[in-house]
Amino acid sequence: MTGPPAYERAMQYRASKEDGSMSLVVFLLFSMTGTTWCQVSCLNGEGKSVDWFIVYKLPKGKDYLYLDKSTQSWQNAQVDVDSNSSPVYQTVNQLYDGNATEAGDVAFVLYNDEPPNSPHYDSICGHTKGVVMLDGTGGFWLVHSTPHFPPSVPGPFAWPHTALRYGQSFLCVSYGFDQFGDIALQLRYNEPDHYSCQVGAQLKDKLPDLQALCAKTKLQVESATRVVELTSSAGKTFRSFAKTHRFDDDLYVHLVAPNLKSSLYLESWVHGVGVFDSNCSGEFCVCRVSSISLPSVAPFSSEEDHSKWCVSQTGGSPGGAWACVGDINRNRGEEYRGGGTVCTDDPAIWAAFAKATTSVEPCPAGPRDKNNNRGSCDCAVPACRGGYVGLPGL
C-alpha cells in the first residue's frame, strides 16, 4: 500500500501550509472529485482502520470476543455482533455505501455456500465463506464461518437469525492493492458460490482473476491446491491455503499440517455425516478440539461451535506459533469440495486460541482407512494419545 488514505494526505498537506486558503482548496478538490475519505480496509468498532482483527462470536446469542494487534489478547465486547459499533458491522457496512460500490475503482465479492435468503445448501461449490472489497489502493479480505451472511449488495446490513445458536469465527486482514491478484486466484481455487460480485471499470484489466471469478469461468490448472504468502498493509505475513474439489482429501491433515511442519489442534463442525476423528496416521497429528474456554465465558463444547480454526501444537520452535482461521471442516463430504484457511505465525494469536483449547479428542487406535483417518497414535502429541495435558508454554 502506498501512502496514507486520501483524507490523511489532505490533512498532512493542510498542516504543511501556512496559507489557510490553500488548505481549503485542497479539501474542496478532494470532496468534488469524489475521493473516498478513508480507503477500504478492516475497521474496528470505532470505525478506525486496523491491519487485522479476529472476532469469535459466542454460542447462544450475539456476544463476541475481539482481538487485534493493539489488544494482544481476547477482549469481551460491550455490544452485540450486529451492533453498528461492532468491527464486523463497521467493516462489512462499507459494502452498502452506494457511492462506494458504484465507483469505477471499487471491486467486491460476497460468497457463501449457504447464501442469504436461500433455503438451499450448495454442496457442489466450495465450502467457503467470505467477503472481499477493495479500491485502487487496497482493501480487505474477511474469512468467516457464518451461513447466510452478509446480505447481498446493496444491503442493508443484517445478522441472520439462523446464526445465533452456534459459535462463529471471523478473520479480517487489510491488504494493499498488489495482494489482490493472489487473493482472487486463491478464491478461484476455493470454488466459491458468490452472490454479489463486481469489478469496477477502472480495475478490470488489473484483476483478471477477479473478473473470471465474477464471470464463473472455470479455473484451468493442473494443481488441486495453492499455498501463497500474503503481506498485510502493515507488513504482517499470512499464509493462505486453498484447494479445489479435485484435491479430494483432508485439507488439514494432507496440506496444512505438513506445510507448517506442526501437529495441529483443530476446531470445526462436528455435526453431520462423515466427521473425521483425530488423526495420528502421519508425521504430524491433527487433533480435534472437543471443548473451548474463553475469557469471562462459561466453557462450551465443540458441538455448540460452528467456527473453524486451528493452532500448532507448540507456541514456538520447532514449528512456530501458528494459528489459522478458515471456512472448511474435516469430514468426508468436504474432501471433494473447495475451501481453505488463512494462517499466521504470531505468539499472541496462537496463545489466544491455544488457551481456549481445554480438551481434545484422543486419536483412535487401529488400522488406517483409505482416508488415513485412523492411526497407530504414534505421534508425539500426548493429548492426541489419550488425555489432555495442556499446551506447552502456557
Protein backbone atom coordinates (compact mmCIF):
# COMPACT_ATOMS: atom_id res chain seq x y z
CA MET A 1 0.00 0.00 0.00
CA THR A 2 1.46 3.35 -0.98
CA GLY A 3 0.89 6.33 1.24
CA PRO A 4 -1.91 7.20 3.64
CA PRO A 5 -5.61 7.41 2.74
CA ALA A 6 -6.82 10.48 0.88
CA TYR A 7 -8.22 12.15 3.97
CA GLU A 8 -4.91 11.78 5.84
CA ARG A 9 -2.96 13.11 2.85
CA ALA A 10 -5.21 16.14 2.77
CA MET A 11 -4.68 16.74 6.47
CA GLN A 12 -0.91 16.46 6.09
CA TYR A 13 -0.94 18.90 3.19
CA ARG A 14 -3.08 21.30 5.16
CA ALA A 15 -0.75 21.19 8.13
CA SER A 16 2.24 21.90 5.90
CA LYS A 17 0.77 25.13 4.51
CA GLU A 18 0.57 28.40 6.38
CA ASP A 19 -1.91 29.76 3.87
CA GLY A 20 -5.36 28.71 5.11
CA SER A 21 -6.95 29.37 1.73
CA MET A 22 -4.68 26.80 0.09
CA SER A 23 -5.78 24.12 2.54
CA LEU A 24 -9.41 24.95 1.89
CA VAL A 25 -8.86 24.50 -1.84
CA VAL A 26 -7.27 21.11 -1.21
CA PHE A 27 -10.26 19.95 0.87
CA LEU A 28 -12.70 21.15 -1.78
CA LEU A 29 -10.80 19.34 -4.52
CA PHE A 30 -10.89 16.07 -2.59
CA SER A 31 -14.62 16.47 -1.97
CA MET A 32 -15.52 17.46 -5.51
CA THR A 33 -13.55 14.67 -7.17
CA GLY A 34 -15.31 12.04 -5.08
CA THR A 35 -12.16 10.64 -3.50
CA THR A 36 -13.01 8.41 -0.55
CA TRP A 37 -12.26 9.84 2.88
CA CYS A 38 -10.83 6.56 4.10
CA GLN A 39 -9.57 3.76 1.92
CA VAL A 40 -11.28 0.39 2.13
CA SER A 41 -9.87 -1.70 5.00
CA CYS A 42 -10.76 -3.72 8.07
CA LEU A 43 -12.34 -1.42 10.65
CA ASN A 44 -12.60 -1.77 14.41
CA GLY A 45 -15.75 -0.98 16.37
CA GLU A 46 -14.92 2.73 16.33
CA GLY A 47 -14.67 2.74 12.56
CA LYS A 48 -10.88 3.12 12.61
CA SER A 49 -8.71 1.25 10.14
CA VAL A 50 -6.84 -1.76 11.56
CA ASP A 51 -4.36 -4.09 9.90
CA TRP A 52 -6.23 -7.20 11.04
CA PHE A 53 -8.76 -8.42 13.57
CA ILE A 54 -10.29 -11.67 14.76
CA VAL A 55 -13.84 -11.97 16.12
CA TYR A 56 -15.13 -15.04 17.96
CA LYS A 57 -18.93 -14.93 18.13
CA LEU A 58 -20.03 -16.99 21.10
CA PRO A 59 -22.77 -19.63 21.11
CA LYS A 60 -26.35 -18.80 22.11
CA GLY A 61 -26.61 -15.16 21.11
CA LYS A 62 -24.69 -12.22 19.71
CA ASP A 63 -21.89 -11.79 22.26
CA TYR A 64 -18.37 -11.91 20.90
CA LEU A 65 -14.69 -11.56 21.73
CA TYR A 66 -12.31 -9.32 19.81
CA LEU A 67 -8.58 -9.50 19.10
CA ASP A 68 -6.25 -7.27 17.10
CA LYS A 69 -2.65 -6.05 17.23
CA SER A 70 -3.43 -3.43 19.86
CA THR A 71 -5.25 -5.77 22.27
CA GLN A 72 -2.86 -8.77 22.02
CA SER A 73 -5.49 -10.96 23.74
CA TRP A 74 -9.23 -11.61 23.70
CA GLN A 75 -11.36 -8.62 24.74
CA ASN A 76 -15.00 -9.03 25.74
CA ALA A 77 -17.15 -6.81 23.55
CA GLN A 78 -19.66 -4.49 25.16
CA VAL A 79 -22.04 -4.57 22.18
CA ASP A 80 -23.68 -7.28 20.06
CA VAL A 81 -22.00 -8.55 16.90
CA ASP A 82 -24.68 -6.86 14.77
CA SER A 83 -24.37 -3.51 16.55
CA ASN A 84 -23.19 -0.58 14.46
CA SER A 85 -20.30 -0.39 16.94
CA SER A 86 -19.01 -3.88 16.16
CA PRO A 87 -16.00 -4.43 13.87
CA VAL A 88 -17.97 -6.87 11.73
CA TYR A 89 -20.65 -4.23 11.11
CA GLN A 90 -18.18 -1.41 10.55
CA THR A 91 -16.15 -3.45 8.06
CA VAL A 92 -18.94 -5.09 6.09
CA ASN A 93 -21.10 -1.97 6.03
CA GLN A 94 -18.59 -0.36 3.67
CA LEU A 95 -20.24 -2.52 1.01
CA TYR A 96 -23.56 -0.83 1.47
CA ASP A 97 -22.36 2.70 0.79
CA GLY A 98 -23.91 3.24 -2.62
CA ASN A 99 -21.33 5.84 -3.62
CA ALA A 100 -18.52 3.36 -2.92
CA THR A 101 -19.94 0.34 -4.71
CA GLU A 102 -20.93 2.37 -7.77
CA ALA A 103 -17.43 3.83 -8.17
CA GLY A 104 -15.34 2.66 -11.10
CA ASP A 105 -12.36 1.87 -8.90
CA VAL A 106 -14.14 -0.46 -6.45
CA ALA A 107 -14.42 -4.24 -6.60
CA PHE A 108 -16.13 -6.69 -4.27
CA VAL A 109 -17.21 -10.30 -3.96
CA LEU A 110 -19.51 -11.84 -1.35
CA TYR A 111 -19.51 -15.64 -1.27
CA ASN A 112 -21.14 -18.27 0.91
CA ASP A 113 -22.06 -21.92 0.36
CA GLU A 114 -25.26 -21.04 2.25
CA PRO A 115 -26.20 -17.68 0.69
CA PRO A 116 -28.58 -15.25 2.41
CA ASN A 117 -32.28 -15.71 1.73
CA SER A 118 -31.68 -19.11 0.20
CA PRO A 119 -33.22 -22.30 1.60
CA HIS A 120 -30.77 -24.41 -0.40
CA TYR A 121 -27.38 -25.62 0.71
CA ASP A 122 -24.84 -25.74 -2.12
CA SER A 123 -22.91 -29.00 -1.81
CA ILE A 124 -21.17 -28.64 -5.18
CA CYS A 125 -19.38 -25.31 -4.88
CA GLY A 126 -16.66 -24.86 -2.30
CA HIS A 127 -17.44 -24.97 1.41
CA THR A 128 -16.21 -21.42 1.75
CA LYS A 129 -17.47 -18.11 3.12
CA GLY A 130 -16.11 -14.61 2.95
CA VAL A 131 -16.08 -11.02 1.74
CA VAL A 132 -13.53 -9.19 -0.39
CA MET A 133 -13.73 -5.45 -1.04
CA LEU A 134 -11.08 -3.14 -2.45
CA ASP A 135 -10.43 0.08 -4.31
CA GLY A 136 -7.44 1.17 -6.34
CA THR A 137 -5.17 1.36 -3.29
CA GLY A 138 -6.18 -1.63 -1.16
CA GLY A 139 -8.96 -3.35 0.71
CA PHE A 140 -9.84 -6.24 3.00
CA TRP A 141 -10.43 -9.97 2.91
CA LEU A 142 -12.82 -11.24 5.58
CA VAL A 143 -12.84 -15.03 6.03
CA HIS A 144 -15.70 -16.32 8.21
CA SER A 145 -17.88 -19.30 9.07
CA THR A 146 -21.37 -17.75 9.25
CA PRO A 147 -24.12 -19.14 6.98
CA HIS A 148 -26.48 -16.72 5.20
CA PHE A 149 -24.15 -13.76 5.82
CA PRO A 150 -23.70 -10.98 4.85
CA PRO A 151 -26.68 -9.64 2.86
CA SER A 152 -26.12 -9.09 -0.84
CA VAL A 153 -25.31 -5.62 -2.12
CA PRO A 154 -26.98 -3.09 -1.80
CA GLY A 155 -27.82 -4.32 1.71
CA PRO A 156 -28.64 -3.16 4.30
CA PHE A 157 -26.50 -4.92 6.91
CA ALA A 158 -28.35 -7.58 8.91
CA TRP A 159 -27.43 -10.54 11.09
CA PRO A 160 -29.18 -13.80 10.13
CA HIS A 161 -31.49 -15.31 12.74
CA THR A 162 -30.01 -18.69 11.83
CA ALA A 163 -26.60 -17.61 13.18
CA LEU A 164 -27.48 -17.21 16.86
CA ARG A 165 -27.20 -20.76 18.19
CA TYR A 166 -23.59 -21.64 17.37
CA GLY A 167 -20.19 -20.01 17.73
CA GLN A 168 -18.70 -18.39 14.61
CA SER A 169 -15.24 -17.14 13.62
CA PHE A 170 -14.06 -14.13 11.60
CA LEU A 171 -10.60 -13.13 10.38
CA CYS A 172 -10.26 -9.78 8.61
CA VAL A 173 -6.97 -8.63 7.09
CA SER A 174 -6.26 -5.34 5.29
CA TYR A 175 -4.10 -5.67 2.18
CA GLY A 176 -2.54 -3.33 -0.35
CA PHE A 177 -3.83 -3.48 -3.90
CA ASP A 178 -0.88 -5.58 -5.09
CA GLN A 179 -2.03 -8.55 -2.97
CA PHE A 180 -5.47 -8.93 -4.53
CA GLY A 181 -4.27 -10.72 -7.65
CA ASP A 182 -3.12 -13.58 -5.42
CA ILE A 183 -6.26 -13.37 -3.27
CA ALA A 184 -8.51 -13.57 -6.34
CA LEU A 185 -6.66 -16.66 -7.55
CA GLN A 186 -7.00 -18.26 -4.10
CA LEU A 187 -10.73 -17.67 -4.31
CA ARG A 188 -10.87 -19.33 -7.71
CA TYR A 189 -9.20 -22.40 -6.19
CA ASN A 190 -11.78 -22.31 -3.37
CA GLU A 191 -14.60 -22.50 -5.96
CA PRO A 192 -16.96 -20.21 -4.04
CA ASP A 193 -20.67 -19.70 -4.57
CA HIS A 194 -20.72 -15.90 -4.93
CA TYR A 195 -23.96 -13.96 -4.86
CA SER A 196 -22.67 -10.37 -5.20
CA CYS A 197 -19.63 -9.82 -7.41
CA GLN A 198 -18.45 -6.70 -9.21
CA VAL A 199 -15.21 -5.33 -10.63
CA GLY A 200 -15.22 -1.59 -11.39
CA ALA A 201 -14.32 -0.49 -14.91
CA GLN A 202 -11.00 1.01 -13.82
CA LEU A 203 -9.89 -2.29 -12.23
CA LYS A 204 -10.97 -4.89 -14.79
CA ASP A 205 -7.66 -5.05 -16.64
CA LYS A 206 -5.73 -5.16 -13.36
CA LEU A 207 -7.69 -8.01 -11.74
CA PRO A 208 -8.26 -10.69 -14.41
CA ASP A 209 -8.80 -13.49 -11.89
CA LEU A 210 -11.42 -11.48 -10.02
CA GLN A 211 -13.12 -10.79 -13.34
CA ALA A 212 -13.03 -14.51 -14.13
CA LEU A 213 -14.42 -15.31 -10.68
CA CYS A 214 -17.37 -12.97 -11.18
CA ALA A 215 -18.00 -14.50 -14.60
CA LYS A 216 -17.82 -18.01 -13.06
CA THR A 217 -15.15 -19.00 -15.56
CA LYS A 218 -13.75 -22.43 -14.72
CA LEU A 219 -10.17 -22.44 -13.45
CA GLN A 220 -7.90 -24.42 -15.79
CA VAL A 221 -4.90 -25.55 -13.71
CA GLU A 222 -3.17 -28.85 -13.07
CA SER A 223 -2.62 -28.36 -9.35
CA ALA A 224 -5.52 -29.01 -6.98
CA THR A 225 -4.03 -26.85 -4.20
CA ARG A 226 -2.33 -23.50 -3.87
CA VAL A 227 -0.42 -22.06 -0.92
CA VAL A 228 0.62 -18.42 -1.05
CA GLU A 229 2.21 -15.88 1.28
CA LEU A 230 0.23 -12.64 1.61
CA THR A 231 1.53 -9.42 3.17
CA SER A 232 -0.90 -7.18 5.03
CA SER A 233 -0.97 -3.41 4.69
CA ALA A 234 1.27 -3.09 7.75
CA GLY A 235 3.69 -5.79 6.59
CA LYS A 236 2.39 -8.80 8.56
CA THR A 237 2.73 -12.16 6.79
CA PHE A 238 -0.24 -14.50 6.35
CA ARG A 239 -0.22 -17.89 4.62
CA SER A 240 -3.31 -18.77 2.60
CA PHE A 241 -4.18 -22.41 1.85
CA ALA A 242 -6.70 -23.17 -0.88
CA LYS A 243 -7.92 -26.38 -2.51
CA THR A 244 -10.25 -27.28 -5.34
CA HIS A 245 -12.67 -30.21 -5.33
CA ARG A 246 -10.07 -32.26 -7.22
CA PHE A 247 -7.83 -32.43 -4.14
CA ASP A 248 -10.35 -34.91 -2.70
CA ASP A 249 -8.58 -35.05 0.64
CA ASP A 250 -8.43 -33.56 4.13
CA LEU A 251 -7.06 -30.01 3.88
CA TYR A 252 -5.60 -30.00 7.39
CA VAL A 253 -4.05 -33.49 7.51
CA HIS A 254 -2.63 -33.55 3.99
CA LEU A 255 -1.80 -29.89 3.29
CA VAL A 256 -1.80 -27.53 6.27
CA ALA A 257 -0.01 -29.63 8.92
CA PRO A 258 2.76 -30.87 6.57
CA ASN A 259 3.28 -27.36 5.19
CA LEU A 260 3.50 -25.79 8.65
CA LYS A 261 5.56 -28.76 9.85
CA SER A 262 3.47 -28.95 13.00
CA SER A 263 0.76 -31.03 14.61
CA LEU A 264 -2.50 -29.12 14.96
CA TYR A 265 -5.35 -28.76 17.42
CA LEU A 266 -8.39 -28.04 15.27
CA GLU A 267 -11.90 -26.78 15.94
CA SER A 268 -14.51 -27.40 13.23
CA TRP A 269 -18.11 -28.54 12.77
CA VAL A 270 -18.72 -31.92 14.40
CA HIS A 271 -22.34 -32.48 13.34
CA GLY A 272 -23.45 -34.35 10.25
CA VAL A 273 -22.27 -37.46 8.46
CA GLY A 274 -18.66 -38.48 7.92
CA VAL A 275 -16.99 -36.29 10.55
CA PHE A 276 -13.36 -37.32 10.94
CA ASP A 277 -11.76 -38.35 14.22
CA SER A 278 -8.43 -37.01 15.40
CA ASN A 279 -5.77 -38.25 13.01
CA CYS A 280 -2.37 -39.55 14.11
CA SER A 281 -1.55 -41.50 10.97
CA GLY A 282 1.22 -39.29 9.65
CA GLU A 283 4.26 -37.40 10.87
CA PHE A 284 2.01 -34.63 12.19
CA CYS A 285 -1.23 -35.18 14.10
CA VAL A 286 -4.44 -33.23 13.61
CA CYS A 287 -6.37 -33.49 16.87
CA ARG A 288 -10.00 -32.45 17.16
CA VAL A 289 -10.80 -29.89 19.86
CA SER A 290 -13.69 -31.09 22.00
CA SER A 291 -14.20 -28.20 24.44
CA ILE A 292 -13.41 -24.48 24.44
CA SER A 293 -12.91 -21.98 27.25
CA LEU A 294 -12.64 -18.24 26.59
CA PRO A 295 -12.15 -15.29 28.99
CA SER A 296 -15.22 -14.47 31.12
CA VAL A 297 -17.22 -17.11 29.25
CA ALA A 298 -18.51 -20.44 30.53
CA PRO A 299 -16.72 -23.34 28.79
CA PHE A 300 -18.63 -24.79 25.86
CA SER A 301 -18.47 -27.92 23.75
CA SER A 302 -17.36 -28.06 20.13
CA GLU A 303 -20.89 -29.30 19.48
CA GLU A 304 -22.02 -25.71 20.15
CA ASP A 305 -19.47 -24.22 17.77
CA HIS A 306 -19.53 -23.62 14.03
CA SER A 307 -16.18 -21.78 13.92
CA LYS A 308 -13.20 -23.17 12.02
CA TRP A 309 -9.74 -22.56 13.48
CA CYS A 310 -6.60 -24.41 14.44
CA VAL A 311 -3.34 -23.83 16.30
CA SER A 312 0.04 -25.52 16.12
CA GLN A 313 0.87 -27.92 18.93
CA THR A 314 3.68 -25.71 20.24
CA GLY A 315 3.89 -21.95 20.51
CA GLY A 316 7.43 -21.65 19.23
CA SER A 317 10.33 -23.61 17.81
CA PRO A 318 10.09 -26.16 16.35
CA GLY A 319 7.06 -25.47 14.22
CA GLY A 320 6.26 -21.89 15.07
CA ALA A 321 3.31 -20.26 16.83
CA TRP A 322 0.81 -20.86 14.06
CA ALA A 323 -2.89 -20.00 14.23
CA CYS A 324 -5.35 -20.38 11.34
CA VAL A 325 -8.93 -19.26 10.71
CA GLY A 326 -10.79 -20.73 7.77
CA ASP A 327 -14.07 -21.93 6.33
CA ILE A 328 -13.82 -25.68 5.70
CA ASN A 329 -14.38 -28.60 8.07
CA ARG A 330 -12.91 -32.08 8.49
CA ASN A 331 -15.44 -34.52 7.09
CA ARG A 332 -15.71 -36.87 4.15
CA GLY A 333 -18.11 -34.70 2.18
CA GLU A 334 -15.82 -31.69 2.25
CA GLU A 335 -12.79 -33.59 0.98
CA TYR A 336 -14.18 -33.23 -2.53
CA ARG A 337 -15.14 -29.56 -2.16
CA GLY A 338 -13.09 -26.40 -2.42
CA GLY A 339 -12.18 -24.37 0.65
CA GLY A 340 -9.29 -23.06 2.66
CA THR A 341 -7.80 -21.41 5.70
CA VAL A 342 -5.53 -18.43 6.42
CA CYS A 343 -2.67 -18.81 8.91
CA THR A 344 -0.13 -16.58 10.61
CA ASP A 345 2.86 -17.22 12.86
CA ASP A 346 2.05 -14.95 15.81
CA PRO A 347 2.58 -15.80 19.51
CA ALA A 348 -0.29 -13.58 20.72
CA ILE A 349 -2.85 -15.03 18.31
CA TRP A 350 -1.55 -18.53 18.97
CA ALA A 351 -1.89 -18.05 22.74
CA ALA A 352 -5.44 -16.70 22.39
CA PHE A 353 -6.61 -19.87 20.64
CA ALA A 354 -4.31 -22.28 22.49
CA LYS A 355 -5.61 -21.12 25.87
CA ALA A 356 -9.14 -21.65 24.55
CA THR A 357 -8.35 -25.31 23.89
CA THR A 358 -9.36 -27.09 27.09
CA SER A 359 -9.68 -30.65 25.78
CA VAL A 360 -9.07 -32.60 22.60
CA GLU A 361 -10.27 -35.92 21.28
CA PRO A 362 -7.67 -38.71 21.53
CA CYS A 363 -6.64 -40.47 18.36
CA PRO A 364 -8.40 -43.81 17.90
CA ALA A 365 -6.17 -46.86 17.71
CA GLY A 366 -6.44 -49.23 14.80
CA PRO A 367 -5.55 -49.59 11.13
CA ARG A 368 -5.76 -46.66 8.74
CA ASP A 369 -8.64 -46.47 6.31
CA LYS A 370 -8.27 -45.17 2.76
CA ASN A 371 -8.52 -41.62 4.09
CA ASN A 372 -5.77 -42.16 6.70
CA ASN A 373 -8.36 -41.32 9.32
CA ARG A 374 -7.27 -43.84 11.94
CA GLY A 375 -3.70 -44.30 13.01
CA SER A 376 -1.45 -46.03 15.49
CA CYS A 377 -1.33 -43.00 17.80
CA ASP A 378 2.42 -42.94 17.39
CA CYS A 379 2.92 -39.18 17.10
CA ALA A 380 4.46 -37.23 19.95
CA VAL A 381 1.35 -35.32 20.97
CA PRO A 382 0.28 -36.52 24.43
CA ALA A 383 -3.19 -35.01 24.15
CA CYS A 384 -3.84 -36.96 20.97
CA ARG A 385 -2.69 -40.21 22.54
CA GLY A 386 -5.26 -40.00 25.30
CA GLY A 387 -5.96 -37.44 27.97
CA TYR A 388 -5.39 -33.72 27.64
CA VAL A 389 -2.24 -32.47 29.37
CA GLY A 390 -2.22 -28.82 28.38
CA LEU A 391 -0.32 -26.98 25.70
CA PRO A 392 3.39 -26.22 26.10
CA GLY A 393 4.34 -22.69 27.01
CA LEU A 394 1.04 -21.73 28.68
